[in-house]
């Protein structure tokens, strides 16, 4: 059987992650809030609320990481609300800068952490609806408060181990 390239694997993972978050954002969060059923809140665990879309992705990422396959995905931004969501490496920073110039591309490369070689693919993450925009623009820790629907907000990083 022919093996898949890391580029193809990353594209598959990203397609699933993006679809899941878009469904959650558009069909769950937006509808629940519009109908007054429940709010998505940053402090959702302490309130009668549901996670924000970024938190949903983070929770999903933690569950995937616990599977032991070495696959990781996360959100990063040049304008992170929390420092942990900023670029962790020069490669991530440069990829975000390139995406800010052309968000219709994917930035790919091999990075080394200790003795491990990792493939990273970095995909544009755009504001898909007004809920994303209003939350980021109103957050007291947000360094950027003029997002509009369709704007690049950051990126989704997919990391795949290359060595066994």
N, C-alpha and C. Protein backbone atom coordinates (compact mmCIF):
# COMPACT_ATOMS: atom_id res chain seq x y z
N UNK A 1 0.84 -1.17 0.00
CA UNK A 1 0.00 0.00 0.00
C UNK A 1 0.89 1.24 0.00
N UNK A 2 0.53 2.20 -0.78
CA UNK A 2 1.28 3.45 -0.88
C UNK A 2 1.03 4.31 0.35
N UNK A 3 2.10 4.88 0.90
CA UNK A 3 1.93 5.75 2.07
C UNK A 3 1.58 7.16 1.62
N UNK A 4 0.94 7.87 2.51
CA UNK A 4 0.55 9.26 2.23
C UNK A 4 1.66 10.22 2.62
N UNK A 5 1.81 11.27 1.87
CA UNK A 5 2.80 12.30 2.20
C UNK A 5 2.33 13.06 3.44
N UNK A 6 3.25 13.64 4.20
CA UNK A 6 2.84 14.44 5.35
C UNK A 6 1.97 15.63 4.93
N UNK A 7 2.22 16.17 3.73
CA UNK A 7 1.39 17.28 3.23
C UNK A 7 -0.07 16.85 3.10
N UNK A 8 -0.28 15.66 2.54
CA UNK A 8 -1.64 15.15 2.33
C UNK A 8 -2.30 14.84 3.67
N UNK A 9 -1.55 14.23 4.59
CA UNK A 9 -2.09 13.92 5.91
C UNK A 9 -2.50 15.21 6.62
N UNK A 10 -1.64 16.22 6.58
CA UNK A 10 -1.95 17.51 7.22
C UNK A 10 -3.19 18.13 6.59
N UNK A 11 -3.31 18.05 5.27
CA UNK A 11 -4.50 18.59 4.60
C UNK A 11 -5.76 17.87 5.05
N UNK A 12 -5.69 16.55 5.20
CA UNK A 12 -6.85 15.78 5.67
C UNK A 12 -7.23 16.21 7.09
N UNK A 13 -6.23 16.28 7.96
CA UNK A 13 -6.48 16.67 9.35
C UNK A 13 -7.08 18.07 9.40
N UNK A 14 -6.51 19.00 8.67
CA UNK A 14 -7.02 20.36 8.66
C UNK A 14 -8.46 20.41 8.16
N UNK A 15 -8.77 19.66 7.12
CA UNK A 15 -10.14 19.66 6.59
C UNK A 15 -11.13 19.22 7.66
N UNK A 16 -10.78 18.22 8.44
CA UNK A 16 -11.67 17.73 9.50
C UNK A 16 -11.78 18.76 10.62
N UNK A 17 -10.65 19.28 11.07
CA UNK A 17 -10.64 20.27 12.15
C UNK A 17 -11.45 21.51 11.75
N UNK A 18 -11.21 22.00 10.55
CA UNK A 18 -11.91 23.20 10.09
C UNK A 18 -13.41 22.94 9.95
N UNK A 19 -13.78 21.79 9.40
CA UNK A 19 -15.20 21.46 9.25
C UNK A 19 -15.88 21.37 10.62
N UNK A 20 -15.25 20.67 11.55
CA UNK A 20 -15.84 20.53 12.89
C UNK A 20 -16.03 21.88 13.56
N UNK A 21 -15.02 22.73 13.48
CA UNK A 21 -15.14 24.04 14.14
C UNK A 21 -16.16 24.92 13.44
N UNK A 22 -16.19 24.88 12.12
CA UNK A 22 -17.19 25.68 11.39
C UNK A 22 -18.60 25.23 11.72
N UNK A 23 -18.82 23.92 11.80
CA UNK A 23 -20.14 23.42 12.19
C UNK A 23 -20.47 23.89 13.59
N UNK A 24 -19.53 23.75 14.51
CA UNK A 24 -19.76 24.17 15.89
C UNK A 24 -20.08 25.66 15.96
N UNK A 25 -19.28 26.47 15.27
CA UNK A 25 -19.45 27.93 15.29
C UNK A 25 -20.77 28.36 14.67
N UNK A 26 -21.08 27.83 13.51
CA UNK A 26 -22.24 28.28 12.74
C UNK A 26 -23.54 27.62 13.17
N UNK A 27 -23.51 26.32 13.37
CA UNK A 27 -24.76 25.60 13.63
C UNK A 27 -25.06 25.36 15.10
N UNK A 28 -24.10 25.54 15.95
CA UNK A 28 -24.36 25.35 17.38
C UNK A 28 -24.27 26.68 18.11
N UNK A 29 -23.09 27.28 18.16
CA UNK A 29 -22.91 28.52 18.92
C UNK A 29 -23.84 29.63 18.42
N UNK A 30 -23.78 29.92 17.15
CA UNK A 30 -24.57 31.02 16.60
C UNK A 30 -26.06 30.79 16.82
N UNK A 31 -26.55 29.60 16.52
CA UNK A 31 -27.98 29.32 16.68
C UNK A 31 -28.42 29.34 18.14
N UNK A 32 -27.62 28.75 19.01
CA UNK A 32 -27.97 28.74 20.44
C UNK A 32 -28.05 30.15 21.00
N UNK A 33 -27.10 30.99 20.60
CA UNK A 33 -27.09 32.37 21.09
C UNK A 33 -28.25 33.16 20.49
N UNK A 34 -28.49 33.01 19.19
CA UNK A 34 -29.59 33.74 18.55
C UNK A 34 -30.94 33.37 19.14
N UNK A 35 -31.10 32.10 19.54
CA UNK A 35 -32.37 31.64 20.10
C UNK A 35 -32.44 31.81 21.61
N UNK A 36 -31.37 32.34 22.21
CA UNK A 36 -31.36 32.59 23.64
C UNK A 36 -31.31 31.32 24.48
N UNK A 37 -30.84 30.23 23.91
CA UNK A 37 -30.79 28.96 24.63
C UNK A 37 -29.62 28.94 25.62
N UNK A 38 -28.43 29.24 25.13
CA UNK A 38 -27.23 29.24 25.96
C UNK A 38 -26.17 30.10 25.25
N UNK A 39 -25.30 30.69 26.04
CA UNK A 39 -24.23 31.53 25.49
C UNK A 39 -22.92 30.75 25.45
N UNK A 40 -22.09 31.08 24.49
CA UNK A 40 -20.71 30.60 24.47
C UNK A 40 -19.91 31.63 25.26
N UNK A 41 -19.18 31.14 26.25
CA UNK A 41 -18.44 32.05 27.13
C UNK A 41 -17.06 31.49 27.42
N UNK A 42 -16.14 32.40 27.64
CA UNK A 42 -14.78 32.00 27.97
C UNK A 42 -14.75 31.21 29.28
N UNK A 43 -15.60 31.57 30.23
CA UNK A 43 -15.65 30.89 31.52
C UNK A 43 -16.76 29.84 31.55
N UNK A 44 -16.96 29.15 30.44
CA UNK A 44 -18.05 28.21 30.26
C UNK A 44 -18.09 27.11 31.32
N UNK A 45 -16.94 26.69 31.84
CA UNK A 45 -16.92 25.61 32.83
C UNK A 45 -17.56 26.03 34.16
N UNK A 46 -17.55 27.33 34.45
CA UNK A 46 -18.10 27.83 35.71
C UNK A 46 -19.50 28.40 35.55
N UNK A 47 -20.00 28.44 34.35
CA UNK A 47 -21.31 29.02 34.07
C UNK A 47 -22.15 28.00 33.31
N UNK A 48 -23.42 28.29 33.17
CA UNK A 48 -24.29 27.47 32.33
C UNK A 48 -24.07 27.93 30.89
N UNK A 49 -22.97 27.47 30.29
CA UNK A 49 -22.58 27.96 28.98
C UNK A 49 -21.87 26.86 28.20
N UNK A 50 -21.53 27.17 26.97
CA UNK A 50 -20.76 26.26 26.12
C UNK A 50 -19.44 26.92 25.75
N UNK A 51 -18.43 26.12 25.38
CA UNK A 51 -17.12 26.71 25.04
C UNK A 51 -17.18 27.61 23.81
N UNK A 52 -16.30 28.60 23.80
CA UNK A 52 -16.10 29.40 22.60
C UNK A 52 -15.51 28.51 21.50
N UNK A 53 -15.68 28.87 20.24
CA UNK A 53 -15.11 28.05 19.16
C UNK A 53 -13.61 27.79 19.29
N UNK A 54 -12.84 28.77 19.73
CA UNK A 54 -11.40 28.55 19.93
C UNK A 54 -11.16 27.53 21.04
N UNK A 55 -11.98 27.58 22.08
CA UNK A 55 -11.85 26.61 23.17
C UNK A 55 -12.25 25.21 22.70
N UNK A 56 -13.28 25.15 21.86
CA UNK A 56 -13.71 23.88 21.28
C UNK A 56 -12.55 23.23 20.52
N UNK A 57 -11.84 24.02 19.71
CA UNK A 57 -10.69 23.50 18.97
C UNK A 57 -9.59 23.05 19.93
N UNK A 58 -9.36 23.82 20.98
CA UNK A 58 -8.33 23.48 21.97
C UNK A 58 -8.67 22.16 22.67
N UNK A 59 -9.92 21.99 23.05
CA UNK A 59 -10.35 20.75 23.72
C UNK A 59 -10.18 19.57 22.77
N UNK A 60 -10.57 19.74 21.52
CA UNK A 60 -10.40 18.68 20.51
C UNK A 60 -8.93 18.33 20.36
N UNK A 61 -8.09 19.34 20.31
CA UNK A 61 -6.65 19.14 20.15
C UNK A 61 -6.07 18.33 21.31
N UNK A 62 -6.51 18.64 22.52
CA UNK A 62 -6.03 17.91 23.69
C UNK A 62 -6.42 16.43 23.61
N UNK A 63 -7.65 16.16 23.17
CA UNK A 63 -8.09 14.77 23.05
C UNK A 63 -7.27 14.02 22.00
N UNK A 64 -6.99 14.67 20.88
CA UNK A 64 -6.17 14.05 19.83
C UNK A 64 -4.75 13.80 20.36
N UNK A 65 -4.19 14.76 21.07
CA UNK A 65 -2.84 14.61 21.63
C UNK A 65 -2.77 13.42 22.58
N UNK A 66 -3.84 13.20 23.33
CA UNK A 66 -3.88 12.09 24.29
C UNK A 66 -3.92 10.73 23.60
N UNK A 67 -4.22 10.70 22.30
CA UNK A 67 -4.28 9.43 21.57
C UNK A 67 -2.91 8.79 21.41
N UNK A 68 -1.84 9.60 21.55
CA UNK A 68 -0.49 9.07 21.48
C UNK A 68 0.10 8.95 20.09
N UNK A 69 -0.56 9.48 19.08
CA UNK A 69 -0.04 9.40 17.71
C UNK A 69 0.95 10.50 17.37
N UNK A 70 1.10 11.48 18.25
CA UNK A 70 2.04 12.57 18.02
C UNK A 70 1.49 13.70 17.17
N UNK A 71 0.26 13.58 16.73
CA UNK A 71 -0.36 14.62 15.91
C UNK A 71 -0.86 15.73 16.82
N UNK A 72 -0.60 16.97 16.41
CA UNK A 72 -1.04 18.14 17.18
C UNK A 72 -1.67 19.14 16.22
N UNK A 73 -2.59 19.92 16.74
CA UNK A 73 -3.09 21.09 16.02
C UNK A 73 -3.46 22.15 17.03
N UNK A 74 -3.32 23.40 16.61
CA UNK A 74 -3.63 24.51 17.52
C UNK A 74 -3.82 25.78 16.73
N UNK A 75 -4.39 26.75 17.40
CA UNK A 75 -4.57 28.08 16.81
C UNK A 75 -3.40 28.97 17.19
N UNK A 76 -2.96 29.79 16.23
CA UNK A 76 -1.96 30.81 16.51
C UNK A 76 -2.40 32.10 15.83
N UNK A 77 -1.85 33.21 16.30
CA UNK A 77 -2.21 34.50 15.72
C UNK A 77 -1.10 35.52 15.95
N UNK A 78 -1.03 36.48 15.05
CA UNK A 78 -0.16 37.64 15.27
C UNK A 78 -0.79 38.58 16.30
N UNK A 79 -2.08 38.40 16.57
CA UNK A 79 -2.83 39.23 17.52
C UNK A 79 -3.52 38.34 18.55
N UNK A 80 -2.75 37.53 19.29
CA UNK A 80 -3.39 36.58 20.21
C UNK A 80 -3.98 37.29 21.43
N UNK A 81 -5.12 36.80 21.85
CA UNK A 81 -5.72 37.30 23.09
C UNK A 81 -4.85 36.84 24.26
N UNK A 82 -4.37 35.61 24.17
CA UNK A 82 -3.46 35.06 25.19
C UNK A 82 -2.12 34.73 24.54
N UNK A 83 -1.05 35.04 25.22
CA UNK A 83 0.31 34.87 24.69
C UNK A 83 0.56 33.45 24.18
N UNK A 84 -0.01 32.45 24.85
CA UNK A 84 0.21 31.06 24.45
C UNK A 84 -0.27 30.78 23.02
N UNK A 85 -1.13 31.65 22.49
CA UNK A 85 -1.63 31.48 21.13
C UNK A 85 -0.85 32.29 20.10
N UNK A 86 0.26 32.84 20.52
CA UNK A 86 1.14 33.52 19.57
C UNK A 86 2.03 32.50 18.89
N UNK A 87 2.78 32.91 17.88
CA UNK A 87 3.69 31.97 17.22
C UNK A 87 4.77 31.50 18.20
N UNK A 88 5.03 30.19 18.19
CA UNK A 88 6.01 29.61 19.11
C UNK A 88 7.41 29.57 18.51
N UNK A 89 7.51 29.70 17.19
CA UNK A 89 8.81 29.60 16.52
C UNK A 89 8.90 30.66 15.42
N UNK A 90 10.11 30.86 14.92
CA UNK A 90 10.28 31.77 13.79
C UNK A 90 9.50 31.27 12.57
N UNK A 91 9.47 29.95 12.38
CA UNK A 91 8.72 29.40 11.26
C UNK A 91 7.24 29.78 11.35
N UNK A 92 6.65 29.66 12.54
CA UNK A 92 5.24 30.01 12.72
C UNK A 92 5.02 31.51 12.51
N UNK A 93 5.92 32.33 13.03
CA UNK A 93 5.78 33.78 12.85
C UNK A 93 5.85 34.16 11.38
N UNK A 94 6.85 33.61 10.68
CA UNK A 94 7.00 33.91 9.25
C UNK A 94 5.81 33.40 8.45
N UNK A 95 5.28 32.25 8.83
CA UNK A 95 4.10 31.71 8.14
C UNK A 95 2.90 32.63 8.33
N UNK A 96 2.70 33.13 9.55
CA UNK A 96 1.61 34.07 9.80
C UNK A 96 1.78 35.34 8.99
N UNK A 97 3.01 35.83 8.91
CA UNK A 97 3.27 37.03 8.12
C UNK A 97 2.95 36.79 6.65
N UNK A 98 3.31 35.62 6.13
CA UNK A 98 2.99 35.29 4.73
C UNK A 98 1.48 35.16 4.52
N UNK A 99 0.80 34.54 5.48
CA UNK A 99 -0.65 34.41 5.37
C UNK A 99 -1.34 35.77 5.43
N UNK A 100 -0.76 36.71 6.17
CA UNK A 100 -1.36 38.04 6.23
C UNK A 100 -1.24 38.75 4.88
N UNK A 101 -0.27 38.35 4.06
CA UNK A 101 -0.12 38.90 2.71
C UNK A 101 -0.99 38.16 1.70
N UNK A 102 -1.15 36.85 1.89
CA UNK A 102 -1.98 36.03 1.00
C UNK A 102 -2.57 34.89 1.80
N UNK A 103 -3.81 35.06 2.24
CA UNK A 103 -4.45 34.07 3.10
C UNK A 103 -4.98 32.86 2.33
N UNK A 104 -4.77 32.84 1.03
CA UNK A 104 -5.23 31.70 0.23
C UNK A 104 -4.13 30.66 0.01
N UNK A 105 -3.06 30.78 0.78
CA UNK A 105 -1.96 29.82 0.67
C UNK A 105 -1.86 29.01 1.96
N UNK A 106 -1.08 27.96 1.90
CA UNK A 106 -0.74 27.17 3.08
C UNK A 106 0.78 27.20 3.21
N UNK A 107 1.25 27.45 4.40
CA UNK A 107 2.69 27.47 4.66
C UNK A 107 3.09 26.11 5.22
N UNK A 108 4.12 25.51 4.63
CA UNK A 108 4.55 24.17 5.04
C UNK A 108 6.06 24.13 5.25
N UNK A 109 6.48 23.27 6.19
CA UNK A 109 7.90 23.12 6.40
C UNK A 109 8.22 22.04 7.42
N UNK A 110 9.49 21.71 7.50
CA UNK A 110 9.97 20.74 8.47
C UNK A 110 10.70 21.51 9.56
N UNK A 111 10.33 21.22 10.80
CA UNK A 111 10.96 21.86 11.95
C UNK A 111 11.57 20.77 12.83
N UNK A 112 12.53 21.16 13.63
CA UNK A 112 13.19 20.22 14.54
C UNK A 112 12.99 20.70 15.97
N UNK A 113 12.56 19.77 16.82
CA UNK A 113 12.43 20.05 18.24
C UNK A 113 13.23 18.98 18.97
N UNK A 114 14.34 19.38 19.57
CA UNK A 114 15.24 18.39 20.17
C UNK A 114 15.77 17.50 19.07
N UNK A 115 15.51 16.19 19.19
CA UNK A 115 15.94 15.25 18.16
C UNK A 115 14.79 14.85 17.23
N UNK A 116 13.63 15.45 17.43
CA UNK A 116 12.45 15.09 16.63
C UNK A 116 12.29 16.01 15.42
N UNK A 117 12.03 15.39 14.29
CA UNK A 117 11.69 16.14 13.07
C UNK A 117 10.18 16.13 12.93
N UNK A 118 9.62 17.30 12.72
CA UNK A 118 8.17 17.45 12.62
C UNK A 118 7.82 18.17 11.33
N UNK A 119 6.73 17.74 10.72
CA UNK A 119 6.20 18.46 9.57
C UNK A 119 5.11 19.38 10.09
N UNK A 120 5.15 20.65 9.67
CA UNK A 120 4.10 21.60 10.06
C UNK A 120 3.46 22.19 8.82
N UNK A 121 2.15 22.26 8.87
CA UNK A 121 1.38 22.96 7.84
C UNK A 121 0.55 24.01 8.56
N UNK A 122 0.56 25.23 8.04
CA UNK A 122 -0.10 26.35 8.70
C UNK A 122 -1.12 26.94 7.73
N UNK A 123 -2.38 26.87 8.15
CA UNK A 123 -3.52 27.24 7.31
C UNK A 123 -4.19 28.51 7.84
N UNK A 124 -4.60 29.38 6.95
CA UNK A 124 -5.29 30.61 7.34
C UNK A 124 -6.55 30.29 8.14
N UNK A 125 -6.80 31.08 9.17
CA UNK A 125 -8.02 30.97 9.96
C UNK A 125 -8.73 32.32 9.87
N UNK A 126 -9.86 32.32 9.18
CA UNK A 126 -10.58 33.57 8.93
C UNK A 126 -11.83 33.65 9.80
N UNK A 127 -12.27 34.88 10.03
CA UNK A 127 -13.52 35.11 10.77
C UNK A 127 -14.67 34.66 9.88
N UNK A 128 -15.34 33.57 10.26
CA UNK A 128 -16.38 33.04 9.39
C UNK A 128 -17.76 33.65 9.64
N UNK A 129 -17.94 34.31 10.76
CA UNK A 129 -19.22 34.99 10.99
C UNK A 129 -19.05 36.13 11.99
N UNK A 130 -20.11 36.87 12.19
CA UNK A 130 -20.06 38.04 13.06
C UNK A 130 -19.81 37.69 14.52
N UNK A 131 -20.13 36.45 14.91
CA UNK A 131 -19.88 36.03 16.29
C UNK A 131 -18.39 36.05 16.59
N UNK A 132 -17.58 35.55 15.65
CA UNK A 132 -16.11 35.56 15.81
C UNK A 132 -15.62 37.00 15.97
N UNK A 133 -16.10 37.84 15.07
CA UNK A 133 -15.66 39.24 15.02
C UNK A 133 -16.03 39.97 16.30
N UNK A 134 -17.28 39.87 16.72
CA UNK A 134 -17.72 40.63 17.89
C UNK A 134 -17.02 40.17 19.16
N UNK A 135 -16.77 38.88 19.28
CA UNK A 135 -16.08 38.37 20.47
C UNK A 135 -14.64 38.89 20.53
N UNK A 136 -13.91 38.76 19.43
CA UNK A 136 -12.51 39.22 19.41
C UNK A 136 -12.41 40.74 19.55
N UNK A 137 -13.28 41.46 18.90
CA UNK A 137 -13.21 42.93 18.96
C UNK A 137 -13.58 43.46 20.34
N UNK A 138 -14.38 42.72 21.09
CA UNK A 138 -14.83 43.19 22.41
C UNK A 138 -13.97 42.66 23.56
N UNK A 139 -13.13 41.68 23.30
CA UNK A 139 -12.37 41.07 24.39
C UNK A 139 -11.37 42.09 24.95
N UNK A 140 -11.34 42.26 26.28
CA UNK A 140 -10.45 43.26 26.87
C UNK A 140 -8.96 43.00 26.64
N UNK A 141 -8.57 41.77 26.37
CA UNK A 141 -7.15 41.47 26.14
C UNK A 141 -6.78 41.42 24.66
N UNK A 142 -7.73 41.65 23.79
CA UNK A 142 -7.45 41.58 22.36
C UNK A 142 -6.60 42.75 21.90
N UNK A 143 -5.45 42.49 21.26
CA UNK A 143 -4.59 43.57 20.79
C UNK A 143 -5.09 44.19 19.47
N UNK A 144 -6.06 43.55 18.85
CA UNK A 144 -6.64 44.04 17.59
C UNK A 144 -8.15 44.03 17.74
N UNK A 145 -8.77 45.16 17.47
CA UNK A 145 -10.22 45.26 17.70
C UNK A 145 -10.98 45.79 16.50
N UNK A 146 -10.43 45.54 15.31
CA UNK A 146 -11.13 46.01 14.11
C UNK A 146 -11.31 44.88 13.09
N UNK A 147 -11.47 43.65 13.60
CA UNK A 147 -11.72 42.52 12.70
C UNK A 147 -13.08 42.68 12.03
N UNK A 148 -13.16 42.18 10.81
CA UNK A 148 -14.43 42.11 10.08
C UNK A 148 -14.60 40.69 9.57
N UNK A 149 -15.83 40.33 9.28
CA UNK A 149 -16.12 39.01 8.74
C UNK A 149 -15.25 38.78 7.50
N UNK A 150 -14.61 37.62 7.44
CA UNK A 150 -13.74 37.28 6.32
C UNK A 150 -12.28 37.62 6.54
N UNK A 151 -11.98 38.42 7.57
CA UNK A 151 -10.59 38.79 7.85
C UNK A 151 -9.79 37.59 8.37
N UNK A 152 -8.49 37.62 8.08
CA UNK A 152 -7.58 36.66 8.67
C UNK A 152 -7.45 36.99 10.16
N UNK A 153 -7.73 36.00 11.00
CA UNK A 153 -7.59 36.20 12.44
C UNK A 153 -6.34 35.51 12.98
N UNK A 154 -5.86 34.55 12.24
CA UNK A 154 -4.70 33.79 12.66
C UNK A 154 -4.54 32.58 11.76
N UNK A 155 -4.16 31.46 12.38
CA UNK A 155 -3.94 30.24 11.59
C UNK A 155 -4.16 29.01 12.45
N UNK A 156 -4.41 27.91 11.76
CA UNK A 156 -4.44 26.60 12.39
C UNK A 156 -3.15 25.89 12.00
N UNK A 157 -2.39 25.48 13.00
CA UNK A 157 -1.13 24.76 12.78
C UNK A 157 -1.38 23.27 12.98
N UNK A 158 -1.03 22.48 11.98
CA UNK A 158 -1.10 21.02 12.10
C UNK A 158 0.35 20.52 12.13
N UNK A 159 0.67 19.75 13.16
CA UNK A 159 2.03 19.22 13.34
C UNK A 159 1.98 17.70 13.34
N UNK A 160 2.85 17.11 12.51
CA UNK A 160 2.89 15.65 12.35
C UNK A 160 4.33 15.18 12.56
N UNK A 161 4.54 14.16 13.39
CA UNK A 161 5.90 13.65 13.57
C UNK A 161 6.38 12.93 12.31
N UNK A 162 7.63 13.13 11.96
CA UNK A 162 8.21 12.47 10.79
C UNK A 162 9.03 11.24 11.17
N UNK A 163 9.52 11.19 12.39
CA UNK A 163 10.35 10.07 12.84
C UNK A 163 9.54 9.18 13.75
N UNK A 164 9.84 7.89 13.71
CA UNK A 164 9.14 6.94 14.60
C UNK A 164 9.79 6.90 15.95
